Amino acid sequence: MLQSDQVTVMLPVKDLERARRFYEKGLGLSPGGLKPDGKFVYHLGGTELALFPREGGTKADHTAISFKVDDIAKAVKDLQARGVQFADYDLPGLKTVDHVCVLGSEKAAWFQDPEGNILCLHEDIN
């Protein structure tokens, strides 16, 4: 029933204009447009990302969105050139090298948007 339907990821933001600058200039997403209910959308493959203004935003301690990429090292380098700052970790079971951590069958790298949402890049390892 739901398998062929579009998924919309809802991401609360305190400052919609600041968030839009990050997603468009920092991540290079093409704007989809402002909806009558105040959310701003981006279309990514079969997914819609909707930024919606929320006073105080939100603070999740987990990854809100993970973008699957073919070459994580290249994606990290490209986003850094756009001003995105990646997190580094040195914890038991979670250590990044050049911002990338190997987790079982995938590689991952994390960063935050200006609203404090945790975002991730991930690459499947064959």
C-alpha atoms as a PDB file:
ATOM      1  CA  MET A   1       0.000   0.000   0.000  1.00  0.00           C
ATOM      2  CA  LEU A   2       2.589   2.627   1.035  1.00  0.00           C
ATOM      3  CA  GLN A   3       5.574   1.201  -0.830  1.00  0.00           C
ATOM      4  CA  SER A   4       5.031   3.179  -4.014  1.00  0.00           C
ATOM      5  CA  ASP A   5       3.965   6.434  -2.396  1.00  0.00           C
ATOM      6  CA  GLN A   6       6.226   9.454  -2.020  1.00  0.00           C
ATOM      7  CA  VAL A   7       7.792  10.029   1.384  1.00  0.00           C
ATOM      8  CA  THR A   8       8.042  13.541   2.834  1.00  0.00           C
ATOM      9  CA  VAL A   9      10.683  14.207   5.465  1.00  0.00           C
ATOM     10  CA  MET A  10       9.524  17.020   7.760  1.00  0.00           C
ATOM     11  CA  LEU A  11      12.340  19.076   9.253  1.00  0.00           C
ATOM     12  CA  PRO A  12      11.520  21.873  11.728  1.00  0.00           C
ATOM     13  CA  VAL A  13      13.607  25.034  11.459  1.00  0.00           C
ATOM     14  CA  LYS A  14      13.777  28.218  13.534  1.00  0.00           C
ATOM     15  CA  ASP A  15      14.793  30.472  10.661  1.00  0.00           C
ATOM     16  CA  LEU A  16      13.466  29.388   7.274  1.00  0.00           C
ATOM     17  CA  GLU A  17      15.602  31.817   5.241  1.00  0.00           C
ATOM     18  CA  ARG A  18      18.819  30.742   7.007  1.00  0.00           C
ATOM     19  CA  ALA A  19      17.898  27.085   6.534  1.00  0.00           C
ATOM     20  CA  ARG A  20      17.132  27.648   2.855  1.00  0.00           C
ATOM     21  CA  ARG A  21      20.532  29.286   2.310  1.00  0.00           C
ATOM     22  CA  PHE A  22      22.229  26.229   3.825  1.00  0.00           C
ATOM     23  CA  TYR A  23      20.217  23.651   1.875  1.00  0.00           C
ATOM     24  CA  GLU A  24      20.502  25.515  -1.419  1.00  0.00           C
ATOM     25  CA  LYS A  25      24.015  26.981  -1.245  1.00  0.00           C
ATOM     26  CA  GLY A  26      25.669  24.567   1.196  1.00  0.00           C
ATOM     27  CA  LEU A  27      24.114  21.331  -0.034  1.00  0.00           C
ATOM     28  CA  GLY A  28      23.277  22.423  -3.570  1.00  0.00           C
ATOM     29  CA  LEU A  29      19.605  21.392  -3.455  1.00  0.00           C
ATOM     30  CA  SER A  30      17.260  22.875  -6.054  1.00  0.00           C
ATOM     31  CA  PRO A  31      14.326  24.723  -4.491  1.00  0.00           C
ATOM     32  CA  GLY A  32      10.909  23.182  -5.030  1.00  0.00           C
ATOM     33  CA  GLY A  33       8.895  26.059  -3.681  1.00  0.00           C
ATOM     34  CA  LEU A  34       6.910  27.489  -0.811  1.00  0.00           C
ATOM     35  CA  LYS A  35       3.646  25.718   0.036  1.00  0.00           C
ATOM     36  CA  PRO A  36       0.511  27.531   1.223  1.00  0.00           C
ATOM     37  CA  ASP A  37       0.956  26.064   4.726  1.00  0.00           C
ATOM     38  CA  GLY A  38       4.359  27.795   5.087  1.00  0.00           C
ATOM     39  CA  LYS A  39       6.699  24.879   4.496  1.00  0.00           C
ATOM     40  CA  PHE A  40       9.396  25.040   1.845  1.00  0.00           C
ATOM     41  CA  VAL A  41      10.064  21.880  -0.160  1.00  0.00           C
ATOM     42  CA  TYR A  42      12.871  20.225  -2.085  1.00  0.00           C
ATOM     43  CA  HIS A  43      12.430  17.132  -4.286  1.00  0.00           C
ATOM     44  CA  LEU A  44      15.186  14.515  -4.025  1.00  0.00           C
ATOM     45  CA  GLY A  45      14.590  11.346  -6.009  1.00  0.00           C
ATOM     46  CA  GLY A  46      11.292   9.943  -4.716  1.00  0.00           C
ATOM     47  CA  THR A  47      11.501  11.913  -1.491  1.00  0.00           C
ATOM     48  CA  GLU A  48      10.339  15.385  -0.611  1.00  0.00           C
ATOM     49  CA  LEU A  49      12.218  17.338   2.040  1.00  0.00           C
ATOM     50  CA  ALA A  50       9.981  19.892   3.730  1.00  0.00           C
ATOM     51  CA  LEU A  51      11.441  22.619   5.936  1.00  0.00           C
ATOM     52  CA  PHE A  52       8.777  24.063   8.188  1.00  0.00           C
ATOM     53  CA  PRO A  53       9.103  27.059  10.494  1.00  0.00           C
ATOM     54  CA  ARG A  54       8.791  26.160  14.154  1.00  0.00           C
ATOM     55  CA  GLU A  55       9.506  28.581  16.960  1.00  0.00           C
ATOM     56  CA  GLY A  56      12.456  27.194  18.898  1.00  0.00           C
ATOM     57  CA  GLY A  57      13.112  24.611  16.172  1.00  0.00           C
ATOM     58  CA  THR A  58      13.890  21.183  17.547  1.00  0.00           C
ATOM     59  CA  LYS A  59      16.915  19.428  18.941  1.00  0.00           C
ATOM     60  CA  ALA A  60      17.116  15.753  18.107  1.00  0.00           C
ATOM     61  CA  ASP A  61      20.048  13.700  19.338  1.00  0.00           C
ATOM     62  CA  HIS A  62      19.872  11.439  16.311  1.00  0.00           C
ATOM     63  CA  THR A  63      20.364  11.694  12.559  1.00  0.00           C
ATOM     64  CA  ALA A  64      17.322  13.364  11.011  1.00  0.00           C
ATOM     65  CA  ILE A  65      18.303  12.753   7.363  1.00  0.00           C
ATOM     66  CA  SER A  66      20.917  10.550   5.729  1.00  0.00           C
ATOM     67  CA  PHE A  67      21.842  11.126   2.097  1.00  0.00           C
ATOM     68  CA  LYS A  68      23.076   8.022   0.233  1.00  0.00           C
ATOM     69  CA  VAL A  69      26.094   8.814  -1.960  1.00  0.00           C
ATOM     70  CA  ASP A  70      28.236   6.725  -4.291  1.00  0.00           C
ATOM     71  CA  ASP A  71      31.583   8.177  -3.154  1.00  0.00           C
ATOM     72  CA  ILE A  72      31.566   9.540   0.381  1.00  0.00           C
ATOM     73  CA  ALA A  73      35.107  10.925   0.270  1.00  0.00           C
ATOM     74  CA  LYS A  74      34.237  12.969  -2.830  1.00  0.00           C
ATOM     75  CA  ALA A  75      30.901  14.090  -1.352  1.00  0.00           C
ATOM     76  CA  VAL A  76      32.606  15.229   1.875  1.00  0.00           C
ATOM     77  CA  LYS A  77      35.211  17.161  -0.113  1.00  0.00           C
ATOM     78  CA  ASP A  78      32.560  18.765  -2.342  1.00  0.00           C
ATOM     79  CA  LEU A  79      30.402  19.827   0.617  1.00  0.00           C
ATOM     80  CA  GLN A  80      33.408  21.156   2.539  1.00  0.00           C
ATOM     81  CA  ALA A  81      34.171  23.354  -0.481  1.00  0.00           C
ATOM     82  CA  ARG A  82      30.637  24.750  -0.048  1.00  0.00           C
ATOM     83  CA  GLY A  83      31.323  25.523   3.623  1.00  0.00           C
ATOM     84  CA  VAL A  84      29.768  22.470   5.295  1.00  0.00           C
ATOM     85  CA  GLN A  85      31.610  21.479   8.485  1.00  0.00           C
ATOM     86  CA  PHE A  86      31.744  17.796   9.387  1.00  0.00           C
ATOM     87  CA  ALA A  87      31.871  16.314  12.866  1.00  0.00           C
ATOM     88  CA  ASP A  88      34.717  14.086  14.017  1.00  0.00           C
ATOM     89  CA  TYR A  89      34.441  11.340  16.622  1.00  0.00           C
ATOM     90  CA  ASP A  90      36.926   9.272  18.572  1.00  0.00           C
ATOM     91  CA  LEU A  91      34.777   6.998  20.717  1.00  0.00           C
ATOM     92  CA  PRO A  92      34.836   3.259  21.346  1.00  0.00           C
ATOM     93  CA  GLY A  93      33.238   1.765  18.239  1.00  0.00           C
ATOM     94  CA  LEU A  94      32.912   5.130  16.483  1.00  0.00           C
ATOM     95  CA  LYS A  95      36.054   6.745  15.091  1.00  0.00           C
ATOM     96  CA  THR A  96      36.196   9.018  12.080  1.00  0.00           C
ATOM     97  CA  VAL A  97      39.173   9.343   9.752  1.00  0.00           C
ATOM     98  CA  ASP A  98      38.960  12.334   7.403  1.00  0.00           C
ATOM     99  CA  HIS A  99      35.416  12.819   8.795  1.00  0.00           C
ATOM    100  CA  VAL A 100      34.322   9.304   7.722  1.00  0.00           C
ATOM    101  CA  CYS A 101      33.530   6.316   9.930  1.00  0.00           C
ATOM    102  CA  VAL A 102      33.169   2.699   8.799  1.00  0.00           C
ATOM    103  CA  LEU A 103      30.112   1.076  10.365  1.00  0.00           C
ATOM    104  CA  GLY A 104      29.759  -2.543   9.305  1.00  0.00           C
ATOM    105  CA  SER A 105      28.619  -2.487   5.683  1.00  0.00           C
ATOM    106  CA  GLU A 106      28.612   1.280   5.237  1.00  0.00           C
ATOM    107  CA  LYS A 107      30.665   4.425   5.615  1.00  0.00           C
ATOM    108  CA  ALA A 108      29.126   7.514   7.227  1.00  0.00           C
ATOM    109  CA  ALA A 109      29.945  11.178   7.863  1.00  0.00           C
ATOM    110  CA  TRP A 110      27.861  13.597   9.945  1.00  0.00           C
ATOM    111  CA  PHE A 111      27.250  17.334   9.918  1.00  0.00           C
ATOM    112  CA  GLN A 112      24.623  19.752  11.199  1.00  0.00           C
ATOM    113  CA  ASP A 113      22.486  22.293   9.474  1.00  0.00           C
ATOM    114  CA  PRO A 114      22.369  25.815  10.986  1.00  0.00           C
ATOM    115  CA  GLU A 115      19.226  24.798  12.899  1.00  0.00           C
ATOM    116  CA  GLY A 116      21.052  22.010  14.755  1.00  0.00           C
ATOM    117  CA  ASN A 117      19.508  19.124  12.803  1.00  0.00           C
ATOM    118  CA  ILE A 118      21.964  16.237  12.444  1.00  0.00           C
ATOM    119  CA  LEU A 119      22.471  15.172   8.846  1.00  0.00           C
ATOM    120  CA  CYS A 120      24.531  12.331   7.434  1.00  0.00           C
ATOM    121  CA  LEU A 121      26.116  11.088   4.250  1.00  0.00           C
ATOM    122  CA  HIS A 122      26.354   7.327   3.864  1.00  0.00           C
ATOM    123  CA  GLU A 123      27.906   5.012   1.295  1.00  0.00           C
ATOM    124  CA  ASP A 124      27.224   1.292   1.075  1.00  0.00           C
ATOM    125  CA  ILE A 125      30.345  -0.877   1.074  1.00  0.00           C
ATOM    126  CA  ASN A 126      30.168  -3.827  -1.302  1.00  0.00           C
END
